[in-house]
Amino acid sequence: MNNNVYGIDLGTCNFKVFCKSTGKILQEKNTIAVINKNQIYAYGDAAYAMYEKAPESIQVTFPVVNGVIADFNFLQNVLYEYLEEKNKGKMKGAEFIVAVPTDITDVEKRAFYELFYKSKFKPKNVLLCEKPIADAVGLGLDVNEPTGVMVVDMGADTTEISVISLGGLVLSDLLHFGGNRIDESIISYMRKEYNLVIGQKTAKSLKEGLGSGLPGRTEVMNVVGRDVVSGLPIQMDVNAEAIYNAIKGNLESICTSIKMILEKTPPELAKDIIHSGIYITGGGSMIHNLDKLFQEITGIKVNTCDEPESCAVRGLVKIVSDSKYKKLPFTMKATSLR
């Protein structure tokens, strides 16, 4: 019998898979390129390379939108192909534990469950775990303790702010707002201030290379875009100050939401959070000086971690491997989605 366990985090930008038997984390872009409306042409990193570059005959899509599954069949087929290729047929009869966002409906949670339960893997078991709890366990925190922990998970399409105690969520807020919205703000700012039209990928590289939670960076990046006036491609040097001005409004919105959750937090848990600090994870948390911005706004120390993108998926396998966490995941009864 296959005793292997796979922890899976299906993000909007990337999906992450942790295999317990190998101890490795696989990461791939959660992107699909489709031709003839129903035929998969490419997926993963290869499909993402086609984004904003493909002809009309190839449609590049993202099967997870705002944290929920938008294209069930395509995503199921891609996951099967990818995991079979990487694990050479060792998937059947394995156990899967999948991270799901909070504040989504039972139907949306069931879609994550049936993605694997009704797949060709014929799994031994499929468990779901709320993502903030998986994040906290991945950070090395004991969520079963009667201690308040605050986790801010910044993804591509969503930002999840949660207060956890005794293995459950005391407060949680799922914002339909993340790294993609920040990229769009950079695109709008560049067009408005510099008459330069840039693509989503260029905006993302500007965010990663020059973005900052606080002013003061002096670096410059050279980008290529289209001049609004002449309509011709041009090169331009963009400085970090411009990117800070483009994204500061977005970051202030996240700060406001963090403050709102803190205002609702019971006093005893608030005392724990002040003592332990706020934990930030997810790809968006890698913006330079973001921790210092949050600390400045809240007056509470902010903890970062190594490889924040894979924090949740590391926590998932820890949850199924350690008996003290056995009450954290849950299962759902399968129904027909199609």
C-alpha atoms as a PDB file:
ATOM      1  CA  MET A   1       0.000   0.000   0.000  1.00  0.00           C
ATOM      2  CA  ASN A   2       1.196   3.517  -0.772  1.00  0.00           C
ATOM      3  CA  ASN A   3       1.906   5.321   2.513  1.00  0.00           C
ATOM      4  CA  ASN A   4       3.178   8.468   0.856  1.00  0.00           C
ATOM      5  CA  VAL A   5       1.703  11.852   1.784  1.00  0.00           C
ATOM      6  CA  TYR A   6       1.528  14.928  -0.429  1.00  0.00           C
ATOM      7  CA  GLY A   7       0.914  18.426   0.873  1.00  0.00           C
ATOM      8  CA  ILE A   8      -0.518  20.703  -1.824  1.00  0.00           C
ATOM      9  CA  ASP A   9      -0.944  24.473  -1.872  1.00  0.00           C
ATOM     10  CA  LEU A  10      -2.783  25.653  -4.979  1.00  0.00           C
ATOM     11  CA  GLY A  11      -1.924  29.332  -5.231  1.00  0.00           C
ATOM     12  CA  THR A  12      -3.085  31.754  -7.907  1.00  0.00           C
ATOM     13  CA  CYS A  13       0.464  32.284  -9.165  1.00  0.00           C
ATOM     14  CA  ASN A  14       2.205  29.000  -8.254  1.00  0.00           C
ATOM     15  CA  PHE A  15       1.205  25.585  -7.002  1.00  0.00           C
ATOM     16  CA  LYS A  16       3.494  23.977  -4.464  1.00  0.00           C
ATOM     17  CA  VAL A  17       3.728  20.244  -3.731  1.00  0.00           C
ATOM     18  CA  PHE A  18       5.605  18.715  -0.796  1.00  0.00           C
ATOM     19  CA  CYS A  19       6.311  14.982  -1.004  1.00  0.00           C
ATOM     20  CA  LYS A  20       6.830  13.382   2.406  1.00  0.00           C
ATOM     21  CA  SER A  21       8.872  10.423   1.112  1.00  0.00           C
ATOM     22  CA  THR A  22      11.438  12.574  -0.729  1.00  0.00           C
ATOM     23  CA  GLY A  23      11.256  15.650   1.508  1.00  0.00           C
ATOM     24  CA  LYS A  24      11.293  17.872  -1.582  1.00  0.00           C
ATOM     25  CA  ILE A  25       9.078  20.832  -2.459  1.00  0.00           C
ATOM     26  CA  LEU A  26       8.095  21.105  -6.116  1.00  0.00           C
ATOM     27  CA  GLN A  27       6.958  24.485  -7.371  1.00  0.00           C
ATOM     28  CA  GLU A  28       5.427  25.307 -10.738  1.00  0.00           C
ATOM     29  CA  LYS A  29       3.526  28.239 -12.218  1.00  0.00           C
ATOM     30  CA  ASN A  30      -0.222  27.638 -11.963  1.00  0.00           C
ATOM     31  CA  THR A  31      -0.777  28.541 -15.613  1.00  0.00           C
ATOM     32  CA  ILE A  32      -2.332  26.679 -18.555  1.00  0.00           C
ATOM     33  CA  ALA A  33      -2.068  27.388 -22.280  1.00  0.00           C
ATOM     34  CA  VAL A  34      -5.080  26.128 -24.264  1.00  0.00           C
ATOM     35  CA  ILE A  35      -5.690  25.712 -27.992  1.00  0.00           C
ATOM     36  CA  ASN A  36      -8.990  24.904 -29.719  1.00  0.00           C
ATOM     37  CA  LYS A  37     -10.783  25.950 -26.491  1.00  0.00           C
ATOM     38  CA  ASN A  38     -10.408  22.540 -24.849  1.00  0.00           C
ATOM     39  CA  GLN A  39      -6.943  21.151 -25.617  1.00  0.00           C
ATOM     40  CA  ILE A  40      -4.022  21.749 -23.246  1.00  0.00           C
ATOM     41  CA  TYR A  41      -1.046  23.049 -25.235  1.00  0.00           C
ATOM     42  CA  ALA A  42       1.318  23.646 -22.296  1.00  0.00           C
ATOM     43  CA  TYR A  43       1.174  24.142 -18.547  1.00  0.00           C
ATOM     44  CA  GLY A  44       3.303  25.375 -15.671  1.00  0.00           C
ATOM     45  CA  ASP A  45       6.429  27.413 -16.305  1.00  0.00           C
ATOM     46  CA  ALA A  46       6.238  26.717 -20.062  1.00  0.00           C
ATOM     47  CA  ALA A  47       2.700  28.155 -20.247  1.00  0.00           C
ATOM     48  CA  TYR A  48       3.661  31.186 -18.122  1.00  0.00           C
ATOM     49  CA  ALA A  49       6.478  31.956 -20.579  1.00  0.00           C
ATOM     50  CA  MET A  50       3.741  32.376 -23.223  1.00  0.00           C
ATOM     51  CA  TYR A  51       1.707  34.824 -21.101  1.00  0.00           C
ATOM     52  CA  GLU A  52       1.317  38.200 -22.873  1.00  0.00           C
ATOM     53  CA  LYS A  53       3.226  36.765 -25.850  1.00  0.00           C
ATOM     54  CA  ALA A  54       0.876  34.135 -27.294  1.00  0.00           C
ATOM     55  CA  PRO A  55      -1.070  34.516 -30.583  1.00  0.00           C
ATOM     56  CA  GLU A  56      -4.875  34.598 -30.491  1.00  0.00           C
ATOM     57  CA  SER A  57      -5.043  30.866 -31.185  1.00  0.00           C
ATOM     58  CA  ILE A  58      -3.406  30.122 -27.810  1.00  0.00           C
ATOM     59  CA  GLN A  59      -5.278  31.207 -24.702  1.00  0.00           C
ATOM     60  CA  VAL A  60      -3.215  31.461 -21.513  1.00  0.00           C
ATOM     61  CA  THR A  61      -5.332  31.104 -18.368  1.00  0.00           C
ATOM     62  CA  PHE A  62      -4.914  30.868 -14.600  1.00  0.00           C
ATOM     63  CA  PRO A  63      -7.118  28.052 -13.215  1.00  0.00           C
ATOM     64  CA  VAL A  64      -7.174  29.493  -9.659  1.00  0.00           C
ATOM     65  CA  VAL A  65      -8.622  33.003  -9.306  1.00  0.00           C
ATOM     66  CA  ASN A  66      -9.061  34.902  -6.020  1.00  0.00           C
ATOM     67  CA  GLY A  67      -7.996  31.803  -4.126  1.00  0.00           C
ATOM     68  CA  VAL A  68     -10.722  29.517  -5.549  1.00  0.00           C
ATOM     69  CA  ILE A  69     -10.772  27.048  -8.448  1.00  0.00           C
ATOM     70  CA  ALA A  70     -12.011  28.705 -11.632  1.00  0.00           C
ATOM     71  CA  ASP A  71     -11.331  25.851 -14.085  1.00  0.00           C
ATOM     72  CA  PHE A  72     -11.829  22.477 -12.404  1.00  0.00           C
ATOM     73  CA  ASN A  73     -11.261  20.091 -15.338  1.00  0.00           C
ATOM     74  CA  PHE A  74      -8.147  21.729 -16.747  1.00  0.00           C
ATOM     75  CA  LEU A  75      -6.555  22.034 -13.312  1.00  0.00           C
ATOM     76  CA  GLN A  76      -7.305  18.401 -12.464  1.00  0.00           C
ATOM     77  CA  ASN A  77      -5.741  17.190 -15.737  1.00  0.00           C
ATOM     78  CA  VAL A  78      -2.654  19.367 -15.323  1.00  0.00           C
ATOM     79  CA  LEU A  79      -2.055  18.261 -11.726  1.00  0.00           C
ATOM     80  CA  TYR A  80      -2.379  14.612 -12.742  1.00  0.00           C
ATOM     81  CA  GLU A  81       0.107  14.994 -15.620  1.00  0.00           C
ATOM     82  CA  TYR A  82       2.572  17.044 -13.588  1.00  0.00           C
ATOM     83  CA  LEU A  83       2.576  14.839 -10.485  1.00  0.00           C
ATOM     84  CA  GLU A  84       2.749  11.623 -12.508  1.00  0.00           C
ATOM     85  CA  GLU A  85       5.723  12.978 -14.450  1.00  0.00           C
ATOM     86  CA  LYS A  86       7.573  14.104 -11.309  1.00  0.00           C
ATOM     87  CA  ASN A  87       6.795  11.040  -9.195  1.00  0.00           C
ATOM     88  CA  LYS A  88       6.877   8.291 -11.820  1.00  0.00           C
ATOM     89  CA  GLY A  89       3.576   6.591 -11.040  1.00  0.00           C
ATOM     90  CA  LYS A  90       3.890   6.666  -7.247  1.00  0.00           C
ATOM     91  CA  MET A  91       0.750   8.718  -6.757  1.00  0.00           C
ATOM     92  CA  LYS A  92      -1.992   6.098  -6.621  1.00  0.00           C
ATOM     93  CA  GLY A  93      -3.276   5.304  -3.151  1.00  0.00           C
ATOM     94  CA  ALA A  94      -1.359   8.182  -1.576  1.00  0.00           C
ATOM     95  CA  GLU A  95      -2.796  10.611   0.962  1.00  0.00           C
ATOM     96  CA  PHE A  96      -3.323  14.255  -0.001  1.00  0.00           C
ATOM     97  CA  ILE A  97      -3.684  17.242   2.292  1.00  0.00           C
ATOM     98  CA  VAL A  98      -4.690  20.464   0.568  1.00  0.00           C
ATOM     99  CA  ALA A  99      -4.534  24.056   1.861  1.00  0.00           C
ATOM    100  CA  VAL A 100      -7.768  26.029   1.407  1.00  0.00           C
ATOM    101  CA  PRO A 101      -8.406  29.731   2.059  1.00  0.00           C
ATOM    102  CA  THR A 102     -10.722  30.780   4.853  1.00  0.00           C
ATOM    103  CA  ASP A 103     -13.845  32.821   4.128  1.00  0.00           C
ATOM    104  CA  ILE A 104     -14.779  30.772   1.052  1.00  0.00           C
ATOM    105  CA  THR A 105     -18.011  28.813   0.699  1.00  0.00           C
ATOM    106  CA  ASP A 106     -18.427  25.081   1.395  1.00  0.00           C
ATOM    107  CA  VAL A 107     -18.984  24.510  -2.318  1.00  0.00           C
ATOM    108  CA  GLU A 108     -15.652  26.183  -3.117  1.00  0.00           C
ATOM    109  CA  LYS A 109     -13.923  24.114  -0.416  1.00  0.00           C
ATOM    110  CA  ARG A 110     -15.509  20.955  -1.795  1.00  0.00           C
ATOM    111  CA  ALA A 111     -13.997  21.735  -5.201  1.00  0.00           C
ATOM    112  CA  PHE A 112     -10.506  21.491  -3.664  1.00  0.00           C
ATOM    113  CA  TYR A 113     -11.492  18.168  -2.081  1.00  0.00           C
ATOM    114  CA  GLU A 114     -12.977  16.647  -5.235  1.00  0.00           C
ATOM    115  CA  LEU A 115     -10.048  17.820  -7.355  1.00  0.00           C
ATOM    116  CA  PHE A 116      -8.109  14.915  -5.819  1.00  0.00           C
ATOM    117  CA  TYR A 117     -10.849  12.637  -4.463  1.00  0.00           C
ATOM    118  CA  LYS A 118     -12.382  12.211  -7.948  1.00  0.00           C
ATOM    119  CA  SER A 119      -9.056  12.085  -9.800  1.00  0.00           C
ATOM    120  CA  LYS A 120      -7.145   9.211 -11.416  1.00  0.00           C
ATOM    121  CA  PHE A 121      -4.886   9.075  -8.348  1.00  0.00           C
ATOM    122  CA  LYS A 122      -7.531   7.046  -6.439  1.00  0.00           C
ATOM    123  CA  PRO A 123      -6.234   8.507  -3.164  1.00  0.00           C
ATOM    124  CA  LYS A 124      -6.360   6.701   0.162  1.00  0.00           C
ATOM    125  CA  ASN A 125      -7.563   9.906   1.786  1.00  0.00           C
ATOM    126  CA  VAL A 126      -8.014  13.607   1.024  1.00  0.00           C
ATOM    127  CA  LEU A 127      -7.838  16.136   3.841  1.00  0.00           C
ATOM    128  CA  LEU A 128      -8.254  19.895   3.817  1.00  0.00           C
ATOM    129  CA  CYS A 129      -6.558  22.391   6.108  1.00  0.00           C
ATOM    130  CA  GLU A 130      -7.170  26.114   6.419  1.00  0.00           C
ATOM    131  CA  LYS A 131      -4.194  27.918   4.960  1.00  0.00           C
ATOM    132  CA  PRO A 132      -3.426  30.292   7.867  1.00  0.00           C
ATOM    133  CA  ILE A 133      -3.115  27.304  10.197  1.00  0.00           C
ATOM    134  CA  ALA A 134      -0.809  25.520   7.725  1.00  0.00           C
ATOM    135  CA  ASP A 135       1.242  28.734   7.494  1.00  0.00           C
ATOM    136  CA  ALA A 136       1.589  28.934  11.275  1.00  0.00           C
ATOM    137  CA  VAL A 137       2.691  25.283  11.557  1.00  0.00           C
ATOM    138  CA  GLY A 138       5.134  25.822   8.674  1.00  0.00           C
ATOM    139  CA  LEU A 139       6.598  28.755  10.624  1.00  0.00           C
ATOM    140  CA  GLY A 140       7.362  26.348  13.463  1.00  0.00           C
ATOM    141  CA  LEU A 141       4.604  27.594  15.778  1.00  0.00           C
ATOM    142  CA  ASP A 142       2.557  25.274  17.988  1.00  0.00           C
ATOM    143  CA  VAL A 143      -0.965  26.354  17.074  1.00  0.00           C
ATOM    144  CA  ASN A 144      -2.537  24.032  19.668  1.00  0.00           C
ATOM    145  CA  GLU A 145      -1.340  26.246  22.501  1.00  0.00           C
ATOM    146  CA  PRO A 146      -3.769  28.754  24.102  1.00  0.00           C
ATOM    147  CA  THR A 147      -1.647  31.549  22.660  1.00  0.00           C
ATOM    148  CA  GLY A 148      -2.645  34.146  20.093  1.00  0.00           C
ATOM    149  CA  VAL A 149      -0.734  34.112  16.801  1.00  0.00           C
ATOM    150  CA  MET A 150      -1.275  36.606  13.966  1.00  0.00           C
ATOM    151  CA  VAL A 151      -0.375  35.535  10.415  1.00  0.00           C
ATOM    152  CA  VAL A 152      -0.568  37.745   7.319  1.00  0.00           C
ATOM    153  CA  ASP A 153      -0.353  35.666   4.115  1.00  0.00           C
ATOM    154  CA  MET A 154       0.165  37.827   1.014  1.00  0.00           C
ATOM    155  CA  GLY A 155      -0.573  35.898  -2.182  1.00  0.00           C
ATOM    156  CA  ALA A 156      -1.004  36.901  -5.812  1.00  0.00           C
ATOM    157  CA  ASP A 157      -4.785  37.435  -5.738  1.00  0.00           C
ATOM    158  CA  THR A 158      -5.571  37.393  -2.016  1.00  0.00           C
ATOM    159  CA  THR A 159      -4.204  38.607   1.303  1.00  0.00           C
ATOM    160  CA  GLU A 160      -5.320  36.623   4.338  1.00  0.00           C
ATOM    161  CA  ILE A 161      -5.043  38.155   7.812  1.00  0.00           C
ATOM    162  CA  SER A 162      -5.737  35.710  10.650  1.00  0.00           C
ATOM    163  CA  VAL A 163      -5.534  35.378  14.419  1.00  0.00           C
ATOM    164  CA  ILE A 164      -5.086  31.757  15.548  1.00  0.00           C
ATOM    165  CA  SER A 165      -5.399  30.151  18.980  1.00  0.00           C
ATOM    166  CA  LEU A 166      -6.007  26.575  20.216  1.00  0.00           C
ATOM    167  CA  GLY A 167      -5.840  25.146  16.693  1.00  0.00           C
ATOM    168  CA  GLY A 168      -8.620  27.342  15.300  1.00  0.00           C
ATOM    169  CA  LEU A 169      -9.214  30.718  13.705  1.00  0.00           C
ATOM    170  CA  VAL A 170     -10.395  33.367  16.154  1.00  0.00           C
ATOM    171  CA  LEU A 171     -10.528  36.107  13.520  1.00  0.00           C
ATOM    172  CA  SER A 172      -9.869  36.031   9.784  1.00  0.00           C
ATOM    173  CA  ASP A 173     -10.211  38.414   6.883  1.00  0.00           C
ATOM    174  CA  LEU A 174      -9.686  37.357   3.254  1.00  0.00           C
ATOM    175  CA  LEU A 175      -8.952  40.377   1.053  1.00  0.00           C
ATOM    176  CA  HIS A 176      -9.385  39.913  -2.700  1.00  0.00           C
ATOM    177  CA  PHE A 177      -6.243  41.863  -3.122  1.00  0.00           C
ATOM    178  CA  GLY A 178      -2.611  40.785  -3.543  1.00  0.00           C
ATOM    179  CA  GLY A 179       0.502  40.949  -5.673  1.00  0.00           C
ATOM    180  CA  ASN A 180      -1.434  41.128  -8.956  1.00  0.00           C
ATOM    181  CA  ARG A 181      -3.261  44.277  -7.837  1.00  0.00           C
ATOM    182  CA  ILE A 182       0.084  45.838  -6.917  1.00  0.00           C
ATOM    183  CA  ASP A 183       1.378  44.987 -10.428  1.00  0.00           C
ATOM    184  CA  GLU A 184      -1.684  46.667 -11.949  1.00  0.00           C
ATOM    185  CA  SER A 185      -1.023  49.783  -9.872  1.00  0.00           C
ATOM    186  CA  ILE A 186       2.527  49.937 -11.280  1.00  0.00           C
ATOM    187  CA  ILE A 187       1.149  49.595 -14.842  1.00  0.00           C
ATOM    188  CA  SER A 188      -1.341  52.434 -14.239  1.00  0.00           C
ATOM    189  CA  TYR A 189       1.261  54.666 -12.607  1.00  0.00           C
ATOM    190  CA  MET A 190       3.796  54.189 -15.430  1.00  0.00           C
ATOM    191  CA  ARG A 191       1.165  55.040 -18.028  1.00  0.00           C
ATOM    192  CA  LYS A 192      -0.084  58.086 -16.143  1.00  0.00           C
ATOM    193  CA  GLU A 193       3.266  59.573 -15.071  1.00  0.00           C
ATOM    194  CA  TYR A 194       5.621  58.473 -17.849  1.00  0.00           C
ATOM    195  CA  ASN A 195       3.296  57.805 -20.830  1.00  0.00           C
ATOM    196  CA  LEU A 196       4.772  54.288 -20.875  1.00  0.00           C
ATOM    197  CA  VAL A 197       2.701  51.142 -21.440  1.00  0.00           C
ATOM    198  CA  ILE A 198       4.254  48.043 -19.831  1.00  0.00           C
ATOM    199  CA  GLY A 199       3.055  44.456 -19.412  1.00  0.00           C
ATOM    200  CA  GLN A 200       2.196  42.485 -16.282  1.00  0.00           C
ATOM    201  CA  LYS A 201       5.522  40.632 -16.266  1.00  0.00           C
ATOM    202  CA  THR A 202       7.521  43.869 -16.488  1.00  0.00           C
ATOM    203  CA  ALA A 203       5.457  45.357 -13.656  1.00  0.00           C
ATOM    204  CA  LYS A 204       6.129  42.265 -11.564  1.00  0.00           C
ATOM    205  CA  SER A 205       9.885  42.510 -12.137  1.00  0.00           C
ATOM    206  CA  LEU A 206       9.785  46.219 -11.169  1.00  0.00           C
ATOM    207  CA  LYS A 207       7.904  45.316  -7.967  1.00  0.00           C
ATOM    208  CA  GLU A 208      10.401  42.588  -7.076  1.00  0.00           C
ATOM    209  CA  GLY A 209      13.473  44.614  -8.051  1.00  0.00           C
ATOM    210  CA  LEU A 210      12.565  48.109  -6.845  1.00  0.00           C
ATOM    211  CA  GLY A 211       9.458  47.790  -4.643  1.00  0.00           C
ATOM    212  CA  SER A 212       9.707  48.872  -1.027  1.00  0.00           C
ATOM    213  CA  GLY A 213       7.421  49.383   1.947  1.00  0.00           C
ATOM    214  CA  LEU A 214       9.321  52.541   2.905  1.00  0.00           C
ATOM    215  CA  PRO A 215      10.855  55.355   0.800  1.00  0.00           C
ATOM    216  CA  GLY A 216      14.610  55.722   0.417  1.00  0.00           C
ATOM    217  CA  ARG A 217      15.727  53.109  -2.135  1.00  0.00           C
ATOM    218  CA  THR A 218      17.930  54.541  -4.891  1.00  0.00           C
ATOM    219  CA  GLU A 219      18.234  51.655  -7.383  1.00  0.00           C
ATOM    220  CA  VAL A 220      17.256  52.047 -11.040  1.00  0.00           C
ATOM    221  CA  MET A 221      15.982  49.458 -13.554  1.00  0.00           C
ATOM    222  CA  ASN A 222      15.887  49.710 -17.319  1.00  0.00           C
ATOM    223  CA  VAL A 223      12.589  48.587 -18.843  1.00  0.00           C
ATOM    224  CA  VAL A 224      11.128  48.434 -22.326  1.00  0.00           C
ATOM    225  CA  GLY A 225       7.572  49.531 -23.036  1.00  0.00           C
ATOM    226  CA  ARG A 226       5.471  51.361 -25.610  1.00  0.00           C
ATOM    227  CA  ASP A 227       5.345  55.125 -25.701  1.00  0.00           C
ATOM    228  CA  VAL A 228       1.722  56.331 -25.515  1.00  0.00           C
ATOM    229  CA  VAL A 229       2.437  59.426 -27.633  1.00  0.00           C
ATOM    230  CA  SER A 230       4.478  57.944 -30.487  1.00  0.00           C
ATOM    231  CA  GLY A 231       3.148  54.380 -30.240  1.00  0.00           C
ATOM    232  CA  LEU A 232       6.698  53.050 -30.613  1.00  0.00           C
ATOM    233  CA  PRO A 233       8.695  50.788 -28.270  1.00  0.00           C
ATOM    234  CA  ILE A 234      11.155  52.692 -26.052  1.00  0.00           C
ATOM    235  CA  GLN A 235      13.612  51.956 -23.258  1.00  0.00           C
ATOM    236  CA  MET A 236      13.408  53.885 -20.024  1.00  0.00           C
ATOM    237  CA  ASP A 237      15.195  53.961 -16.667  1.00  0.00           C
ATOM    238  CA  VAL A 238      12.745  53.640 -13.772  1.00  0.00           C
ATOM    239  CA  ASN A 239      13.842  54.531 -10.245  1.00  0.00           C
ATOM    240  CA  ALA A 240      12.746  52.962  -6.974  1.00  0.00           C
ATOM    241  CA  GLU A 241      11.000  56.151  -5.820  1.00  0.00           C
ATOM    242  CA  ALA A 242       8.523  55.881  -8.711  1.00  0.00           C
ATOM    243  CA  ILE A 243       7.668  52.284  -7.790  1.00  0.00           C
ATOM    244  CA  TYR A 244       7.250  53.242  -4.117  1.00  0.00           C
ATOM    245  CA  ASN A 245       4.784  55.970  -5.135  1.00  0.00           C
ATOM    246  CA  ALA A 246       2.935  53.474  -7.355  1.00  0.00           C
ATOM    247  CA  ILE A 247       2.437  50.830  -4.656  1.00  0.00           C
ATOM    248  CA  LYS A 248       2.219  52.777  -1.389  1.00  0.00           C
ATOM    249  CA  GLY A 249      -1.587  53.118  -1.626  1.00  0.00           C
ATOM    250  CA  ASN A 250      -1.956  49.336  -1.941  1.00  0.00           C
ATOM    251  CA  LEU A 251       0.302  48.664   1.025  1.00  0.00           C
ATOM    252  CA  GLU A 252      -1.578  51.244   3.119  1.00  0.00           C
ATOM    253  CA  SER A 253      -4.817  49.330   2.400  1.00  0.00           C
ATOM    254  CA  ILE A 254      -3.267  46.131   3.799  1.00  0.00           C
ATOM    255  CA  CYS A 255      -2.027  48.092   6.841  1.00  0.00           C
ATOM    256  CA  THR A 256      -5.580  49.368   7.436  1.00  0.00           C
ATOM    257  CA  SER A 257      -6.966  45.810   7.329  1.00  0.00           C
ATOM    258  CA  ILE A 258      -4.294  44.591   9.775  1.00  0.00           C
ATOM    259  CA  LYS A 259      -5.216  47.400  12.181  1.00  0.00           C
ATOM    260  CA  MET A 260      -8.928  46.516  11.874  1.00  0.00           C
ATOM    261  CA  ILE A 261      -8.248  42.876  12.822  1.00  0.00           C
ATOM    262  CA  LEU A 262      -6.071  44.000  15.734  1.00  0.00           C
ATOM    263  CA  GLU A 263      -8.878  46.263  16.948  1.00  0.00           C
ATOM    264  CA  LYS A 264     -11.257  43.275  17.031  1.00  0.00           C
ATOM    265  CA  THR A 265      -8.765  40.936  18.749  1.00  0.00           C
ATOM    266  CA  PRO A 266      -9.668  39.996  22.355  1.00  0.00           C
ATOM    267  CA  PRO A 267      -7.298  41.677  24.856  1.00  0.00           C
ATOM    268  CA  GLU A 268      -5.657  38.466  26.109  1.00  0.00           C
ATOM    269  CA  LEU A 269      -4.821  37.373  22.565  1.00  0.00           C
ATOM    270  CA  ALA A 270      -3.640  40.888  21.709  1.00  0.00           C
ATOM    271  CA  LYS A 271      -1.184  40.614  24.611  1.00  0.00           C
ATOM    272  CA  ASP A 272       0.232  37.408  23.067  1.00  0.00           C
ATOM    273  CA  ILE A 273       0.539  39.032  19.629  1.00  0.00           C
ATOM    274  CA  ILE A 274       2.443  42.011  21.066  1.00  0.00           C
ATOM    275  CA  HIS A 275       4.786  39.551  22.785  1.00  0.00           C
ATOM    276  CA  SER A 276       5.386  37.211  19.809  1.00  0.00           C
ATOM    277  CA  GLY A 277       4.877  39.674  16.947  1.00  0.00           C
ATOM    278  CA  ILE A 278       3.058  39.480  13.616  1.00  0.00           C
ATOM    279  CA  TYR A 279       4.193  36.806  11.143  1.00  0.00           C
ATOM    280  CA  ILE A 280       4.151  37.567   7.404  1.00  0.00           C
ATOM    281  CA  THR A 281       4.303  34.866   4.717  1.00  0.00           C
ATOM    282  CA  GLY A 282       3.460  34.425   1.025  1.00  0.00           C
ATOM    283  CA  GLY A 283       5.256  35.741  -2.058  1.00  0.00           C
ATOM    284  CA  GLY A 284       4.054  39.306  -1.480  1.00  0.00           C
ATOM    285  CA  SER A 285       5.822  39.436   1.890  1.00  0.00           C
ATOM    286  CA  MET A 286       9.181  39.548   0.086  1.00  0.00           C
ATOM    287  CA  ILE A 287       8.717  43.222  -0.860  1.00  0.00           C
ATOM    288  CA  HIS A 288      11.698  45.101   0.569  1.00  0.00           C
ATOM    289  CA  ASN A 289      11.098  46.726   3.977  1.00  0.00           C
ATOM    290  CA  LEU A 290       7.467  45.561   4.122  1.00  0.00           C
ATOM    291  CA  ASP A 291       8.061  44.217   7.635  1.00  0.00           C
ATOM    292  CA  LYS A 292       9.371  47.628   8.726  1.00  0.00           C
ATOM    293  CA  LEU A 293       6.286  49.347   7.282  1.00  0.00           C
ATOM    294  CA  PHE A 294       3.903  47.031   9.192  1.00  0.00           C
ATOM    295  CA  GLN A 295       5.975  47.503  12.351  1.00  0.00           C
ATOM    296  CA  GLU A 296       5.856  51.286  11.946  1.00  0.00           C
ATOM    297  CA  ILE A 297       2.070  51.294  11.445  1.00  0.00           C
ATOM    298  CA  THR A 298       1.126  48.828  14.228  1.00  0.00           C
ATOM    299  CA  GLY A 299       3.917  49.347  16.748  1.00  0.00           C
ATOM    300  CA  ILE A 300       4.292  45.537  16.920  1.00  0.00           C
ATOM    301  CA  LYS A 301       7.410  43.668  15.810  1.00  0.00           C
ATOM    302  CA  VAL A 302       7.036  41.788  12.528  1.00  0.00           C
ATOM    303  CA  ASN A 303       8.614  38.369  11.877  1.00  0.00           C
ATOM    304  CA  THR A 304       9.657  37.230   8.404  1.00  0.00           C
ATOM    305  CA  CYS A 305      10.748  33.749   7.335  1.00  0.00           C
ATOM    306  CA  ASP A 306      12.946  32.053   4.749  1.00  0.00           C
ATOM    307  CA  GLU A 307      11.118  30.888   1.608  1.00  0.00           C
ATOM    308  CA  PRO A 308       7.761  32.439   2.597  1.00  0.00           C
ATOM    309  CA  GLU A 309       6.069  31.148  -0.588  1.00  0.00           C
ATOM    310  CA  SER A 310       6.426  27.519   0.528  1.00  0.00           C
ATOM    311  CA  CYS A 311       5.574  28.101   4.188  1.00  0.00           C
ATOM    312  CA  ALA A 312       2.030  26.675   3.975  1.00  0.00           C
ATOM    313  CA  VAL A 313       3.018  23.552   2.074  1.00  0.00           C
ATOM    314  CA  ARG A 314       5.781  22.762   4.604  1.00  0.00           C
ATOM    315  CA  GLY A 315       3.185  23.082   7.360  1.00  0.00           C
ATOM    316  CA  LEU A 316       0.771  20.687   5.631  1.00  0.00           C
ATOM    317  CA  VAL A 317       3.039  17.669   5.762  1.00  0.00           C
ATOM    318  CA  LYS A 318       4.039  18.505   9.345  1.00  0.00           C
ATOM    319  CA  ILE A 319       0.317  18.441  10.203  1.00  0.00           C
ATOM    320  CA  VAL A 320      -0.215  14.917   8.848  1.00  0.00           C
ATOM    321  CA  SER A 321       3.125  13.641  10.172  1.00  0.00           C
ATOM    322  CA  ASP A 322       2.766  14.797  13.779  1.00  0.00           C
ATOM    323  CA  SER A 323      -0.026  13.217  15.836  1.00  0.00           C
ATOM    324  CA  LYS A 324      -0.467  16.358  17.957  1.00  0.00           C
ATOM    325  CA  TYR A 325      -1.872  18.124  14.878  1.00  0.00           C
ATOM    326  CA  LYS A 326      -4.281  15.330  13.880  1.00  0.00           C
ATOM    327  CA  LYS A 327      -7.379  17.402  14.776  1.00  0.00           C
ATOM    328  CA  LEU A 328      -6.451  20.336  12.529  1.00  0.00           C
ATOM    329  CA  PRO A 329      -7.299  18.959   9.040  1.00  0.00           C
ATOM    330  CA  PHE A 330     -10.837  18.043   8.029  1.00  0.00           C
ATOM    331  CA  THR A 331     -12.535  16.143   5.230  1.00  0.00           C
ATOM    332  CA  MET A 332     -15.662  16.707   3.122  1.00  0.00           C
ATOM    333  CA  LYS A 333     -18.251  14.429   1.647  1.00  0.00           C
ATOM    334  CA  ALA A 334     -17.873  14.190  -2.114  1.00  0.00           C
ATOM    335  CA  THR A 335     -20.692  15.263  -4.402  1.00  0.00           C
ATOM    336  CA  SER A 336     -20.913  15.700  -8.145  1.00  0.00           C
ATOM    337  CA  LEU A 337     -19.568  19.071  -9.320  1.00  0.00           C
ATOM    338  CA  ARG A 338     -20.116  18.421 -12.984  1.00  0.00           C
END
